[in-house]
Structure formats: C-alpha cells, structure tokens
N, C-alpha and C. Protein backbone atom coordinates (compact mmCIF):
# COMPACT_ATOMS: atom_id res chain seq x y z
N UNK A 1 19.63 86.02 200.41
CA UNK A 1 19.92 84.83 199.62
C UNK A 1 19.35 84.95 198.21
N UNK A 2 18.11 85.48 198.11
CA UNK A 2 17.48 85.66 196.81
C UNK A 2 18.28 86.64 195.97
N UNK A 3 18.73 87.74 196.63
CA UNK A 3 19.51 88.74 195.89
C UNK A 3 20.82 88.15 195.40
N UNK A 4 21.44 87.28 196.23
CA UNK A 4 22.70 86.66 195.84
C UNK A 4 22.52 85.75 194.63
N UNK A 5 21.40 85.01 194.63
CA UNK A 5 21.10 84.15 193.49
C UNK A 5 20.90 84.97 192.22
N UNK A 6 20.21 86.10 192.35
CA UNK A 6 19.98 86.96 191.20
C UNK A 6 21.30 87.51 190.66
N UNK A 7 22.19 87.91 191.57
CA UNK A 7 23.49 88.45 191.15
C UNK A 7 24.29 87.38 190.42
N UNK A 8 24.27 86.17 190.97
CA UNK A 8 25.01 85.07 190.33
C UNK A 8 24.46 84.76 188.95
N UNK A 9 23.12 84.83 188.82
CA UNK A 9 22.49 84.57 187.52
C UNK A 9 22.89 85.63 186.51
N UNK A 10 22.87 86.89 186.95
CA UNK A 10 23.27 87.98 186.06
C UNK A 10 24.72 87.82 185.63
N UNK A 11 25.60 87.44 186.57
CA UNK A 11 27.01 87.25 186.25
C UNK A 11 27.21 86.12 185.26
N UNK A 12 26.42 85.04 185.43
CA UNK A 12 26.53 83.92 184.50
C UNK A 12 26.08 84.34 183.11
N UNK A 13 24.99 85.12 183.06
CA UNK A 13 24.51 85.59 181.77
C UNK A 13 25.52 86.52 181.11
N UNK A 14 26.11 87.40 181.90
CA UNK A 14 27.12 88.31 181.36
C UNK A 14 28.32 87.54 180.85
N UNK A 15 28.69 86.48 181.61
CA UNK A 15 29.81 85.65 181.18
C UNK A 15 29.51 84.95 179.88
N UNK A 16 28.26 84.49 179.71
CA UNK A 16 27.87 83.83 178.47
C UNK A 16 27.91 84.80 177.30
N UNK A 17 27.40 86.02 177.54
CA UNK A 17 27.41 87.03 176.49
C UNK A 17 28.84 87.36 176.09
N UNK A 18 29.69 87.58 177.10
CA UNK A 18 31.08 87.89 176.82
C UNK A 18 31.76 86.76 176.07
N UNK A 19 31.45 85.53 176.47
CA UNK A 19 32.04 84.37 175.82
C UNK A 19 31.59 84.27 174.38
N UNK A 20 30.32 84.54 174.12
CA UNK A 20 29.80 84.49 172.76
C UNK A 20 30.48 85.52 171.87
N UNK A 21 30.61 86.74 172.40
CA UNK A 21 31.28 87.79 171.65
C UNK A 21 32.72 87.40 171.35
N UNK A 22 33.40 86.86 172.37
CA UNK A 22 34.80 86.46 172.19
C UNK A 22 34.93 85.34 171.16
N UNK A 23 34.01 84.38 171.21
CA UNK A 23 34.07 83.26 170.27
C UNK A 23 33.81 83.72 168.84
N UNK A 24 32.86 84.62 168.68
CA UNK A 24 32.58 85.14 167.34
C UNK A 24 33.77 85.93 166.80
N UNK A 25 34.35 86.77 167.66
CA UNK A 25 35.52 87.55 167.24
C UNK A 25 36.67 86.63 166.87
N UNK A 26 36.87 85.59 167.67
CA UNK A 26 37.93 84.62 167.36
C UNK A 26 37.66 83.92 166.04
N UNK A 27 36.39 83.59 165.82
CA UNK A 27 36.02 82.93 164.56
C UNK A 27 36.31 83.79 163.35
N UNK A 28 35.94 85.07 163.43
CA UNK A 28 36.22 85.99 162.32
C UNK A 28 37.73 86.11 162.09
N UNK A 29 38.47 86.19 163.20
CA UNK A 29 39.93 86.31 163.08
C UNK A 29 40.54 85.06 162.44
N UNK A 30 40.04 83.89 162.81
CA UNK A 30 40.56 82.64 162.24
C UNK A 30 40.29 82.58 160.74
N UNK A 31 39.10 83.00 160.33
CA UNK A 31 38.78 83.02 158.90
C UNK A 31 39.72 83.98 158.18
N UNK A 32 39.91 85.17 158.77
CA UNK A 32 40.80 86.16 158.16
C UNK A 32 42.23 85.64 158.04
N UNK A 33 42.72 84.98 159.09
CA UNK A 33 44.08 84.44 159.06
C UNK A 33 44.22 83.33 158.03
N UNK A 34 43.18 82.50 157.94
CA UNK A 34 43.22 81.41 156.96
C UNK A 34 43.26 81.95 155.54
N UNK A 35 42.46 82.97 155.28
CA UNK A 35 42.44 83.57 153.94
C UNK A 35 43.76 84.25 153.62
N UNK A 36 44.32 84.95 154.62
CA UNK A 36 45.59 85.63 154.40
C UNK A 36 46.71 84.62 154.17
N UNK A 37 46.70 83.54 154.95
CA UNK A 37 47.72 82.50 154.79
C UNK A 37 47.64 81.86 153.41
N UNK A 38 46.41 81.59 152.99
CA UNK A 38 46.23 80.97 151.66
C UNK A 38 46.68 81.93 150.57
N UNK A 39 46.37 83.22 150.78
CA UNK A 39 46.77 84.22 149.80
C UNK A 39 48.29 84.29 149.69
N UNK A 40 48.99 84.23 150.85
CA UNK A 40 50.44 84.26 150.84
C UNK A 40 51.00 83.06 150.07
N UNK A 41 50.41 81.89 150.32
CA UNK A 41 50.91 80.68 149.65
C UNK A 41 50.70 80.76 148.15
N UNK A 42 49.49 81.20 147.75
CA UNK A 42 49.15 81.23 146.33
C UNK A 42 49.83 82.41 145.63
N UNK A 43 49.67 83.61 146.17
CA UNK A 43 50.18 84.79 145.51
C UNK A 43 51.69 84.90 145.64
N UNK A 44 52.24 84.33 146.74
CA UNK A 44 53.69 84.38 146.90
C UNK A 44 54.39 83.66 145.76
N UNK A 45 53.82 82.53 145.36
CA UNK A 45 54.41 81.78 144.26
C UNK A 45 54.28 82.55 142.95
N UNK A 46 53.21 83.34 142.83
CA UNK A 46 52.99 84.10 141.60
C UNK A 46 53.72 85.44 141.64
N UNK A 47 54.41 85.72 142.75
CA UNK A 47 55.15 86.97 142.85
C UNK A 47 54.31 88.14 143.30
N UNK A 48 53.10 87.88 143.83
CA UNK A 48 52.22 88.95 144.30
C UNK A 48 52.01 88.82 145.80
N UNK A 49 52.16 89.93 146.52
CA UNK A 49 51.82 89.94 147.92
C UNK A 49 50.34 90.24 148.10
N UNK A 50 49.78 90.00 149.30
CA UNK A 50 48.36 90.25 149.54
C UNK A 50 47.93 91.68 149.23
N UNK A 51 48.75 92.67 149.64
CA UNK A 51 48.38 94.07 149.38
C UNK A 51 48.39 94.37 147.89
N UNK A 52 49.36 93.83 147.19
CA UNK A 52 49.42 94.05 145.74
C UNK A 52 48.18 93.48 145.06
N UNK A 53 47.76 92.31 145.50
CA UNK A 53 46.56 91.71 144.92
C UNK A 53 45.32 92.55 145.25
N UNK A 54 45.26 93.09 146.47
CA UNK A 54 44.13 93.93 146.85
C UNK A 54 44.06 95.18 145.97
N UNK A 55 45.22 95.73 145.64
CA UNK A 55 45.26 96.91 144.77
C UNK A 55 44.70 96.55 143.39
N UNK A 56 45.10 95.40 142.87
CA UNK A 56 44.61 94.97 141.56
C UNK A 56 43.09 94.77 141.58
N UNK A 57 42.61 94.12 142.62
CA UNK A 57 41.17 93.85 142.72
C UNK A 57 40.39 95.16 142.85
N UNK A 58 40.95 96.11 143.64
CA UNK A 58 40.30 97.41 143.80
C UNK A 58 40.22 98.14 142.47
N UNK A 59 41.32 98.16 141.73
CA UNK A 59 41.33 98.84 140.44
C UNK A 59 40.35 98.19 139.47
N UNK A 60 40.27 96.88 139.51
CA UNK A 60 39.37 96.17 138.61
C UNK A 60 37.91 96.55 138.87
N UNK A 61 37.60 96.85 140.12
CA UNK A 61 36.21 97.18 140.48
C UNK A 61 35.83 98.62 140.15
N UNK A 62 36.83 99.45 139.84
CA UNK A 62 36.57 100.86 139.58
C UNK A 62 36.11 101.10 138.15
N UNK A 63 35.31 102.15 137.98
CA UNK A 63 34.91 102.56 136.64
C UNK A 63 36.15 103.01 135.87
N UNK A 64 36.39 102.41 134.71
CA UNK A 64 37.58 102.72 133.95
C UNK A 64 38.82 102.03 134.47
N UNK A 65 38.66 101.29 135.58
CA UNK A 65 39.75 100.53 136.21
C UNK A 65 40.95 101.44 136.51
N UNK A 66 40.65 102.64 136.99
CA UNK A 66 41.69 103.58 137.38
C UNK A 66 41.36 104.19 138.74
N UNK A 67 42.38 104.66 139.43
CA UNK A 67 42.18 105.34 140.71
C UNK A 67 43.46 106.10 141.05
N UNK A 68 43.32 107.12 141.88
CA UNK A 68 44.49 107.84 142.37
C UNK A 68 45.11 107.05 143.53
N UNK A 69 46.40 107.25 143.75
CA UNK A 69 47.09 106.52 144.80
C UNK A 69 46.47 106.84 146.16
N UNK A 70 46.09 108.10 146.37
CA UNK A 70 45.47 108.48 147.65
C UNK A 70 44.15 107.76 147.86
N UNK A 71 43.41 107.55 146.77
CA UNK A 71 42.14 106.83 146.84
C UNK A 71 42.39 105.36 147.20
N UNK A 72 43.42 104.78 146.59
CA UNK A 72 43.77 103.39 146.90
C UNK A 72 44.14 103.24 148.36
N UNK A 73 44.96 104.18 148.87
CA UNK A 73 45.37 104.14 150.27
C UNK A 73 44.16 104.25 151.20
N UNK A 74 43.24 105.15 150.86
CA UNK A 74 42.05 105.35 151.69
C UNK A 74 41.15 104.14 151.73
N UNK A 75 40.91 103.52 150.58
CA UNK A 75 39.98 102.39 150.53
C UNK A 75 40.58 101.11 151.13
N UNK A 76 41.88 100.98 151.08
CA UNK A 76 42.53 99.80 151.64
C UNK A 76 43.02 100.04 153.06
N UNK A 77 42.81 101.26 153.55
CA UNK A 77 43.18 101.64 154.92
C UNK A 77 44.67 101.36 155.17
N UNK A 78 45.51 101.90 154.32
CA UNK A 78 46.96 101.83 154.51
C UNK A 78 47.52 103.23 154.35
N UNK A 79 48.73 103.43 154.81
CA UNK A 79 49.37 104.74 154.67
C UNK A 79 49.70 105.00 153.21
N UNK A 80 49.73 106.29 152.85
CA UNK A 80 50.00 106.67 151.47
C UNK A 80 51.34 106.11 150.96
N UNK A 81 52.45 106.19 151.75
CA UNK A 81 53.71 105.62 151.27
C UNK A 81 53.61 104.11 151.01
N UNK A 82 52.81 103.41 151.84
CA UNK A 82 52.64 101.97 151.66
C UNK A 82 51.93 101.67 150.35
N UNK A 83 50.87 102.46 150.08
CA UNK A 83 50.14 102.29 148.82
C UNK A 83 51.03 102.64 147.63
N UNK A 84 51.81 103.69 147.75
CA UNK A 84 52.70 104.10 146.66
C UNK A 84 53.74 103.03 146.36
N UNK A 85 54.24 102.41 147.40
CA UNK A 85 55.23 101.35 147.22
C UNK A 85 54.62 100.14 146.52
N UNK A 86 53.38 99.78 146.91
CA UNK A 86 52.70 98.65 146.27
C UNK A 86 52.45 98.95 144.79
N UNK A 87 52.02 100.17 144.50
CA UNK A 87 51.76 100.57 143.11
C UNK A 87 53.05 100.54 142.29
N UNK A 88 54.14 101.04 142.88
CA UNK A 88 55.43 101.06 142.18
C UNK A 88 55.88 99.63 141.85
N UNK A 89 55.68 98.71 142.79
CA UNK A 89 56.05 97.32 142.56
C UNK A 89 55.22 96.71 141.44
N UNK A 90 53.92 97.00 141.46
CA UNK A 90 53.03 96.48 140.41
C UNK A 90 53.39 97.07 139.05
N UNK A 91 53.83 98.32 139.03
CA UNK A 91 54.21 98.95 137.77
C UNK A 91 55.47 98.28 137.20
N UNK A 92 56.40 97.94 138.08
CA UNK A 92 57.61 97.25 137.62
C UNK A 92 57.29 95.88 137.04
N UNK A 93 56.19 95.30 137.52
CA UNK A 93 55.75 93.99 137.02
C UNK A 93 54.83 94.14 135.81
N UNK A 94 54.62 95.37 135.37
CA UNK A 94 53.78 95.67 134.21
C UNK A 94 52.31 95.27 134.42
N UNK A 95 51.87 95.33 135.67
CA UNK A 95 50.48 95.01 135.99
C UNK A 95 49.62 96.27 136.08
N UNK A 96 50.24 97.40 136.32
CA UNK A 96 49.55 98.69 136.31
C UNK A 96 50.45 99.70 135.60
N UNK A 97 49.86 100.82 135.23
CA UNK A 97 50.65 101.92 134.70
C UNK A 97 50.19 103.21 135.37
N UNK A 98 51.13 104.08 135.63
CA UNK A 98 50.81 105.37 136.23
C UNK A 98 50.89 106.47 135.16
N UNK A 99 49.94 107.38 135.22
CA UNK A 99 49.96 108.48 134.26
C UNK A 99 49.37 109.73 134.91
N UNK A 100 49.83 110.86 134.42
CA UNK A 100 49.34 112.14 134.93
C UNK A 100 48.14 112.60 134.11
N UNK A 101 47.17 113.19 134.79
CA UNK A 101 45.96 113.64 134.11
C UNK A 101 46.24 114.87 133.28
N UNK A 102 45.44 115.06 132.25
CA UNK A 102 45.60 116.24 131.38
C UNK A 102 45.14 117.51 132.09
N UNK A 103 44.17 117.35 132.99
CA UNK A 103 43.63 118.52 133.70
C UNK A 103 44.65 119.11 134.66
N UNK A 104 45.32 118.25 135.37
CA UNK A 104 46.27 118.70 136.39
C UNK A 104 47.44 117.72 136.40
N UNK A 105 48.56 118.17 135.90
CA UNK A 105 49.72 117.29 135.80
C UNK A 105 50.22 116.78 137.13
N UNK A 106 49.77 117.40 138.23
CA UNK A 106 50.21 116.96 139.55
C UNK A 106 49.45 115.71 140.01
N UNK A 107 48.31 115.45 139.40
CA UNK A 107 47.49 114.31 139.79
C UNK A 107 47.92 113.07 139.00
N UNK A 108 48.28 112.03 139.72
CA UNK A 108 48.71 110.78 139.09
C UNK A 108 47.64 109.72 139.30
N UNK A 109 47.21 109.10 138.23
CA UNK A 109 46.24 108.01 138.32
C UNK A 109 46.94 106.69 138.03
N UNK A 110 46.37 105.63 138.57
CA UNK A 110 46.90 104.28 138.38
C UNK A 110 45.88 103.49 137.58
N UNK A 111 46.34 102.81 136.55
CA UNK A 111 45.44 102.09 135.65
C UNK A 111 45.90 100.65 135.48
N UNK A 112 44.93 99.73 135.47
CA UNK A 112 45.25 98.32 135.23
C UNK A 112 45.70 98.12 133.79
N UNK A 113 46.67 97.26 133.61
CA UNK A 113 47.05 96.82 132.27
C UNK A 113 46.29 95.53 131.95
N UNK A 114 46.37 95.07 130.73
CA UNK A 114 45.73 93.80 130.36
C UNK A 114 46.30 92.68 131.22
N UNK A 115 47.59 92.71 131.41
CA UNK A 115 48.24 91.70 132.24
C UNK A 115 47.76 91.80 133.69
N UNK A 116 47.54 93.02 134.15
CA UNK A 116 47.06 93.23 135.51
C UNK A 116 45.66 92.70 135.71
N UNK A 117 44.80 92.85 134.70
CA UNK A 117 43.43 92.32 134.81
C UNK A 117 43.44 90.81 134.95
N UNK A 118 44.33 90.17 134.23
CA UNK A 118 44.43 88.71 134.33
C UNK A 118 44.97 88.29 135.69
N UNK A 119 45.92 89.05 136.20
CA UNK A 119 46.52 88.73 137.50
C UNK A 119 45.55 88.94 138.65
N UNK A 120 44.55 89.81 138.43
CA UNK A 120 43.57 90.09 139.49
C UNK A 120 42.68 88.90 139.77
N UNK A 121 42.64 87.94 138.86
CA UNK A 121 41.87 86.72 139.11
C UNK A 121 40.46 86.80 138.59
N UNK A 122 39.56 85.92 139.11
CA UNK A 122 38.17 85.88 138.66
C UNK A 122 37.50 87.23 138.79
N UNK A 123 36.61 87.54 137.86
CA UNK A 123 35.98 88.87 137.82
C UNK A 123 35.11 89.16 139.03
N UNK A 124 34.63 88.12 139.72
CA UNK A 124 33.78 88.39 140.88
C UNK A 124 34.59 88.54 142.16
N UNK A 125 35.92 88.27 142.08
CA UNK A 125 36.77 88.51 143.23
C UNK A 125 36.53 87.59 144.42
N UNK A 126 35.81 86.51 144.24
CA UNK A 126 35.49 85.65 145.35
C UNK A 126 36.65 84.72 145.70
N UNK A 127 36.64 84.26 146.93
CA UNK A 127 37.52 83.18 147.34
C UNK A 127 36.72 81.90 147.13
N UNK A 128 37.12 81.09 146.14
CA UNK A 128 36.31 79.94 145.75
C UNK A 128 36.08 78.96 146.89
N UNK A 129 37.12 78.69 147.69
CA UNK A 129 36.94 77.71 148.76
C UNK A 129 36.02 78.25 149.85
N UNK A 130 36.09 79.57 150.11
CA UNK A 130 35.19 80.17 151.09
C UNK A 130 33.76 80.19 150.56
N UNK A 131 33.61 80.56 149.29
CA UNK A 131 32.28 80.57 148.68
C UNK A 131 31.68 79.17 148.70
N UNK A 132 32.51 78.16 148.48
CA UNK A 132 32.02 76.79 148.50
C UNK A 132 31.50 76.38 149.87
N UNK A 133 32.20 76.82 150.92
CA UNK A 133 31.76 76.49 152.28
C UNK A 133 30.44 77.19 152.60
N UNK A 134 30.33 78.46 152.20
CA UNK A 134 29.10 79.21 152.45
C UNK A 134 27.94 78.61 151.66
N UNK A 135 28.24 78.13 150.46
CA UNK A 135 27.21 77.54 149.61
C UNK A 135 26.58 76.30 150.23
N UNK A 136 27.29 75.69 151.18
CA UNK A 136 26.76 74.50 151.87
C UNK A 136 25.68 74.87 152.88
N UNK A 137 25.61 76.14 153.26
CA UNK A 137 24.62 76.57 154.24
C UNK A 137 23.24 76.68 153.60
N UNK A 138 22.18 76.44 154.37
CA UNK A 138 20.83 76.66 153.85
C UNK A 138 20.64 78.12 153.43
N UNK A 139 19.74 78.36 152.51
CA UNK A 139 19.55 79.70 151.96
C UNK A 139 19.21 80.72 153.04
N UNK A 140 18.35 80.36 153.99
CA UNK A 140 17.98 81.33 155.03
C UNK A 140 19.17 81.68 155.92
N UNK A 141 20.06 80.71 156.15
CA UNK A 141 21.25 80.98 156.95
C UNK A 141 22.23 81.86 156.17
N UNK A 142 22.31 81.67 154.87
CA UNK A 142 23.16 82.53 154.04
C UNK A 142 22.70 83.97 154.12
N UNK A 143 21.39 84.19 154.03
CA UNK A 143 20.85 85.54 154.08
C UNK A 143 21.05 86.16 155.46
N UNK A 144 20.86 85.36 156.52
CA UNK A 144 21.07 85.86 157.87
C UNK A 144 22.54 86.23 158.09
N UNK A 145 23.44 85.40 157.55
CA UNK A 145 24.87 85.68 157.66
C UNK A 145 25.24 86.96 156.92
N UNK A 146 24.63 87.17 155.76
CA UNK A 146 24.90 88.38 154.98
C UNK A 146 24.43 89.62 155.73
N UNK A 147 23.23 89.55 156.32
CA UNK A 147 22.73 90.69 157.10
C UNK A 147 23.65 90.99 158.28
N UNK A 148 24.09 89.94 158.95
CA UNK A 148 24.99 90.11 160.09
C UNK A 148 26.32 90.72 159.66
N UNK A 149 26.84 90.24 158.54
CA UNK A 149 28.11 90.76 158.03
C UNK A 149 27.99 92.25 157.70
N UNK A 150 26.87 92.65 157.11
CA UNK A 150 26.64 94.06 156.79
C UNK A 150 26.67 94.91 158.06
N UNK A 151 26.06 94.41 159.11
CA UNK A 151 26.01 95.15 160.36
C UNK A 151 27.40 95.30 160.97
N UNK A 152 28.18 94.21 160.95
CA UNK A 152 29.52 94.26 161.53
C UNK A 152 30.40 95.23 160.74
N UNK A 153 30.33 95.16 159.41
CA UNK A 153 31.12 96.05 158.57
C UNK A 153 30.74 97.50 158.83
N UNK A 154 29.44 97.76 158.94
CA UNK A 154 28.98 99.14 159.17
C UNK A 154 29.51 99.68 160.50
N UNK A 155 29.47 98.87 161.55
CA UNK A 155 29.97 99.31 162.85
C UNK A 155 31.47 99.59 162.80
N UNK A 156 32.22 98.74 162.10
CA UNK A 156 33.66 98.95 161.98
C UNK A 156 33.96 100.20 161.16
N UNK A 157 33.13 100.46 160.17
CA UNK A 157 33.31 101.67 159.37
C UNK A 157 33.09 102.92 160.23
N UNK A 158 32.04 102.89 161.04
CA UNK A 158 31.74 104.05 161.88
C UNK A 158 32.86 104.33 162.87
N UNK A 159 33.60 103.29 163.24
CA UNK A 159 34.71 103.45 164.19
C UNK A 159 36.03 103.72 163.48
N UNK A 160 35.97 103.79 162.15
CA UNK A 160 37.18 104.09 161.40
C UNK A 160 38.17 102.95 161.31
N UNK A 161 37.71 101.72 161.58
CA UNK A 161 38.60 100.57 161.57
C UNK A 161 38.84 100.03 160.16
N UNK A 162 37.85 100.19 159.29
CA UNK A 162 37.99 99.73 157.92
C UNK A 162 37.45 100.80 156.98
N UNK A 163 37.81 100.69 155.72
CA UNK A 163 37.36 101.70 154.75
C UNK A 163 35.88 101.54 154.46
N UNK A 164 35.29 102.55 153.86
CA UNK A 164 33.88 102.53 153.53
C UNK A 164 33.65 101.62 152.33
N UNK A 165 32.98 100.52 152.58
CA UNK A 165 32.66 99.59 151.51
C UNK A 165 31.46 100.12 150.72
N UNK A 166 31.39 99.69 149.48
CA UNK A 166 30.31 100.17 148.61
C UNK A 166 29.09 99.27 148.77
N UNK A 167 28.48 99.39 149.95
CA UNK A 167 27.36 98.52 150.32
C UNK A 167 26.01 99.16 150.00
N UNK A 168 25.03 98.31 149.79
CA UNK A 168 23.67 98.79 149.54
C UNK A 168 23.19 99.72 150.64
N UNK A 169 23.45 99.34 151.89
CA UNK A 169 22.85 100.07 153.01
C UNK A 169 23.41 101.48 153.18
N UNK A 170 24.51 101.81 152.50
CA UNK A 170 25.02 103.18 152.57
C UNK A 170 25.00 103.85 151.19
N UNK A 171 24.19 103.30 150.28
CA UNK A 171 24.13 103.79 148.91
C UNK A 171 22.94 104.73 148.70
N UNK A 172 23.14 105.74 147.89
CA UNK A 172 22.07 106.70 147.62
C UNK A 172 20.89 106.09 146.87
N UNK A 173 21.11 104.95 146.24
CA UNK A 173 20.05 104.32 145.45
C UNK A 173 19.25 103.28 146.25
N UNK A 174 19.65 103.03 147.48
CA UNK A 174 19.00 102.00 148.29
C UNK A 174 17.72 102.51 148.93
N UNK A 175 16.62 101.78 148.71
CA UNK A 175 15.33 102.12 149.30
C UNK A 175 14.84 100.89 150.07
N UNK A 176 15.13 100.80 151.36
CA UNK A 176 14.76 99.61 152.14
C UNK A 176 13.27 99.52 152.43
N UNK A 177 12.78 98.29 152.42
CA UNK A 177 11.39 98.01 152.82
C UNK A 177 10.37 98.87 152.07
N UNK A 178 10.54 98.99 150.76
CA UNK A 178 9.62 99.79 149.95
C UNK A 178 8.47 98.97 149.39
N UNK A 179 8.61 97.65 149.39
CA UNK A 179 7.60 96.78 148.79
C UNK A 179 7.03 95.80 149.82
N UNK A 180 5.82 95.38 149.59
CA UNK A 180 5.16 94.45 150.49
C UNK A 180 5.60 93.00 150.28
N UNK A 181 6.24 92.75 149.16
CA UNK A 181 6.73 91.41 148.87
C UNK A 181 7.81 91.03 149.88
N UNK A 182 7.57 90.01 150.69
CA UNK A 182 8.51 89.61 151.73
C UNK A 182 9.85 89.16 151.15
N UNK A 183 9.80 88.53 149.98
CA UNK A 183 11.02 88.02 149.36
C UNK A 183 11.83 89.12 148.68
N UNK A 184 11.16 90.19 148.25
CA UNK A 184 11.85 91.29 147.57
C UNK A 184 11.31 92.63 148.09
N UNK A 185 11.62 92.95 149.35
CA UNK A 185 11.05 94.16 149.96
C UNK A 185 11.77 95.46 149.61
N UNK A 186 13.04 95.37 149.18
CA UNK A 186 13.83 96.57 148.96
C UNK A 186 13.77 97.02 147.49
N UNK A 187 14.24 98.22 147.26
CA UNK A 187 14.21 98.75 145.90
C UNK A 187 15.55 99.43 145.59
N UNK A 188 16.07 99.16 144.39
CA UNK A 188 17.28 99.82 143.91
C UNK A 188 16.88 100.86 142.88
N UNK A 189 17.10 102.13 143.20
CA UNK A 189 16.72 103.21 142.30
C UNK A 189 17.64 103.28 141.08
N UNK A 190 18.82 102.68 141.17
CA UNK A 190 19.74 102.73 140.04
C UNK A 190 19.22 101.90 138.87
N UNK A 191 18.74 100.68 139.19
CA UNK A 191 18.20 99.80 138.13
C UNK A 191 16.67 99.82 138.14
N UNK A 192 16.09 100.56 139.12
CA UNK A 192 14.63 100.68 139.25
C UNK A 192 13.98 99.30 139.33
N UNK A 193 14.41 98.52 140.33
CA UNK A 193 13.87 97.16 140.48
C UNK A 193 13.90 96.74 141.95
N UNK A 194 12.92 95.92 142.36
CA UNK A 194 12.91 95.42 143.73
C UNK A 194 13.91 94.27 143.90
N UNK A 195 14.36 94.04 145.12
CA UNK A 195 15.24 92.91 145.39
C UNK A 195 15.15 92.53 146.86
N UNK A 196 15.64 91.33 147.18
CA UNK A 196 15.57 90.82 148.55
C UNK A 196 16.90 90.84 149.26
N UNK A 197 16.91 90.36 150.49
CA UNK A 197 18.12 90.36 151.30
C UNK A 197 19.25 89.57 150.64
N UNK A 198 18.89 88.51 149.94
CA UNK A 198 19.91 87.68 149.32
C UNK A 198 20.69 88.40 148.23
N UNK A 199 20.15 89.50 147.73
CA UNK A 199 20.82 90.27 146.66
C UNK A 199 21.53 91.51 147.19
N UNK A 200 21.53 91.70 148.51
CA UNK A 200 22.25 92.83 149.09
C UNK A 200 23.73 92.72 148.74
N UNK A 201 24.33 93.84 148.39
CA UNK A 201 25.73 93.83 147.97
C UNK A 201 26.63 94.52 148.99
N UNK A 202 27.81 93.96 149.16
CA UNK A 202 28.82 94.56 150.02
C UNK A 202 29.78 95.41 149.19
N UNK A 203 29.93 95.08 147.92
CA UNK A 203 30.81 95.84 147.03
C UNK A 203 30.14 95.93 145.66
N UNK A 204 29.47 97.05 145.40
CA UNK A 204 28.71 97.21 144.16
C UNK A 204 29.38 98.25 143.25
N UNK A 205 29.61 97.92 141.98
CA UNK A 205 30.26 98.87 141.06
C UNK A 205 29.39 100.09 140.75
N UNK A 206 28.08 99.99 140.99
CA UNK A 206 27.17 101.11 140.71
C UNK A 206 26.91 101.96 141.94
N UNK A 207 27.67 101.71 143.00
CA UNK A 207 27.47 102.40 144.28
C UNK A 207 27.66 103.91 144.16
N UNK A 208 26.76 104.63 144.84
CA UNK A 208 26.89 106.08 144.97
C UNK A 208 26.68 106.41 146.44
N UNK A 209 27.63 107.07 147.08
CA UNK A 209 27.51 107.34 148.52
C UNK A 209 26.30 108.19 148.87
N UNK A 210 25.57 107.73 149.86
CA UNK A 210 24.42 108.50 150.35
C UNK A 210 24.90 109.57 151.32
N UNK A 211 24.07 110.58 151.52
CA UNK A 211 24.40 111.60 152.52
C UNK A 211 24.32 110.95 153.90
N UNK A 212 24.89 111.59 154.89
CA UNK A 212 24.88 111.03 156.24
C UNK A 212 23.46 110.80 156.72
N UNK A 213 22.59 111.78 156.49
CA UNK A 213 21.20 111.66 156.96
C UNK A 213 20.46 110.56 156.21
N UNK A 214 20.68 110.48 154.90
CA UNK A 214 20.01 109.44 154.11
C UNK A 214 20.48 108.05 154.54
N UNK A 215 21.77 107.92 154.79
CA UNK A 215 22.31 106.62 155.20
C UNK A 215 21.73 106.20 156.55
N UNK A 216 21.60 107.15 157.45
CA UNK A 216 21.04 106.84 158.77
C UNK A 216 19.58 106.43 158.65
N UNK A 217 18.81 107.15 157.85
CA UNK A 217 17.40 106.82 157.67
C UNK A 217 17.23 105.45 157.02
N UNK A 218 18.07 105.17 156.02
CA UNK A 218 18.00 103.89 155.34
C UNK A 218 18.35 102.75 156.29
N UNK A 219 19.37 102.97 157.12
CA UNK A 219 19.78 101.93 158.06
C UNK A 219 18.68 101.68 159.09
N UNK A 220 18.05 102.75 159.57
CA UNK A 220 16.95 102.59 160.54
C UNK A 220 15.80 101.82 159.93
N UNK A 221 15.43 102.17 158.70
CA UNK A 221 14.32 101.48 158.02
C UNK A 221 14.68 100.02 157.76
N UNK A 222 15.91 99.78 157.36
CA UNK A 222 16.36 98.41 157.09
C UNK A 222 16.32 97.58 158.37
N UNK A 223 16.85 98.12 159.46
CA UNK A 223 16.88 97.41 160.73
C UNK A 223 15.48 97.13 161.25
N UNK A 224 14.60 98.10 161.13
CA UNK A 224 13.22 97.93 161.60
C UNK A 224 12.49 96.88 160.77
N UNK A 225 12.76 96.86 159.48
CA UNK A 225 12.08 95.88 158.61
C UNK A 225 12.52 94.48 158.94
N UNK A 226 13.82 94.29 159.28
CA UNK A 226 14.31 92.95 159.60
C UNK A 226 13.74 92.52 160.94
N UNK A 227 13.64 93.45 161.90
CA UNK A 227 13.10 93.10 163.21
C UNK A 227 11.63 92.72 163.10
N UNK A 228 10.91 93.44 162.26
CA UNK A 228 9.48 93.17 162.07
C UNK A 228 9.25 91.82 161.41
N UNK A 229 10.16 91.45 160.50
CA UNK A 229 9.99 90.19 159.79
C UNK A 229 10.69 89.03 160.46
N UNK A 230 11.27 89.31 161.60
CA UNK A 230 11.94 88.24 162.36
C UNK A 230 13.27 87.87 161.75
C-alpha cells in the first residue's frame, strides 16, 4: 500500500511537471502567433511580409548594414532560395540593393537603402506593445524572464532549431561573475565595463563569437553564479 501511494505521488508530480512544460510551451507559441498575426496585419498593409521585414531588421543590425544572401538565410533559418526570393522582392521595392564585391565578383552582398532603413522601423527593433506589457512587470521579474529566455534560446540553438543569436553568453567578450558587486557581477571586455543581468543582450551589434570551449566555460560560470545568488 505504501509503495502504491509513492507511485501515485510520483505520477502526480510527473503529470504536474509535464503540464507545466506544456503550458509554458503553449504560452510561448501563443505569443509568437500573436506577434506574427500583428506583423501580417501591419506589414501586409505596407506591402511587406514578415520574412521581408526580418531581412530588413537583420541588415540594419549588421556592421555597414550589408550581408551576403547565404548569411541572411543562415541567420533567419530559411532555405537559400527562400532568402534569395525575399531579397529580390525587397530589391524591386527599392528597399535593398545587391552588388558584387570587388574582391570576388561571384560574391553578392545585400545592402539596405535609405528607404529600406526607414521601412525597417524603430532602431531598437522592439515590438512596442510587447515591450509595454513586459515593462509592467517588476524589475526582478523582468531580469528573471530575461535569464530564462537566454537559456531557452541557447538550448534551441544547440539543437539547431534556431539560428545563433548574438547573445552575451556566447560572446568572446563576456566575462560572467567577474565582480563581487551583486548588481553588476559580469564584465564586458569590449567596452571594459561591469554590468548586471538586466543589461544582458540577446542581439548585440558588438558581438564576437566565442570558441566552443570558451562559450561552455562562460555558460557554466554564468549558471553557477545565478544558482549561488538564487
């Protein structure tokens, strides 16, 4: 009888865990669908599809606001023909221009036009209504949500589900838990300054990819520091 009770308790706990995972996954999916739907309504009227807008935003974030089509396809996790088609459509709308490099005429780069920069929207690329909802959360919950989001993105990256985002935790300049200051424990070697969890970036223009070993060590140190600080 005791063993049966223990088995039932374990099953209930497993069911709760599974339910929590399912609810969180459903929540993320609902947010994604809502954003995509809103993008279709807004960008559809402006003559831009969601993928076209993503291409513009990606180019805007790049140094020199240029990228190769293969790079665009890789970062947006779409097939090369799909990326090429989106670029061709944007070029017809005079939002980007394609040009061959002087070094190798076979290499074609895509560059934002002035009109394309305006079409890309606000320079920070945020969804204002989503940012407004998050802004309603207490500061500690915002930071906890950011840490959780970083972890989810990293796991999806490792499984090849999404492209490699230019996040602090996979950057060569990231030095986690280098300072005793609880509010600003990390260090950015690029700007040579300490910063806290609230300043962690998911898409940083100064990002430099860390080696596999460095990224693993940084992630371990980051995870251990968060566990130690609760």
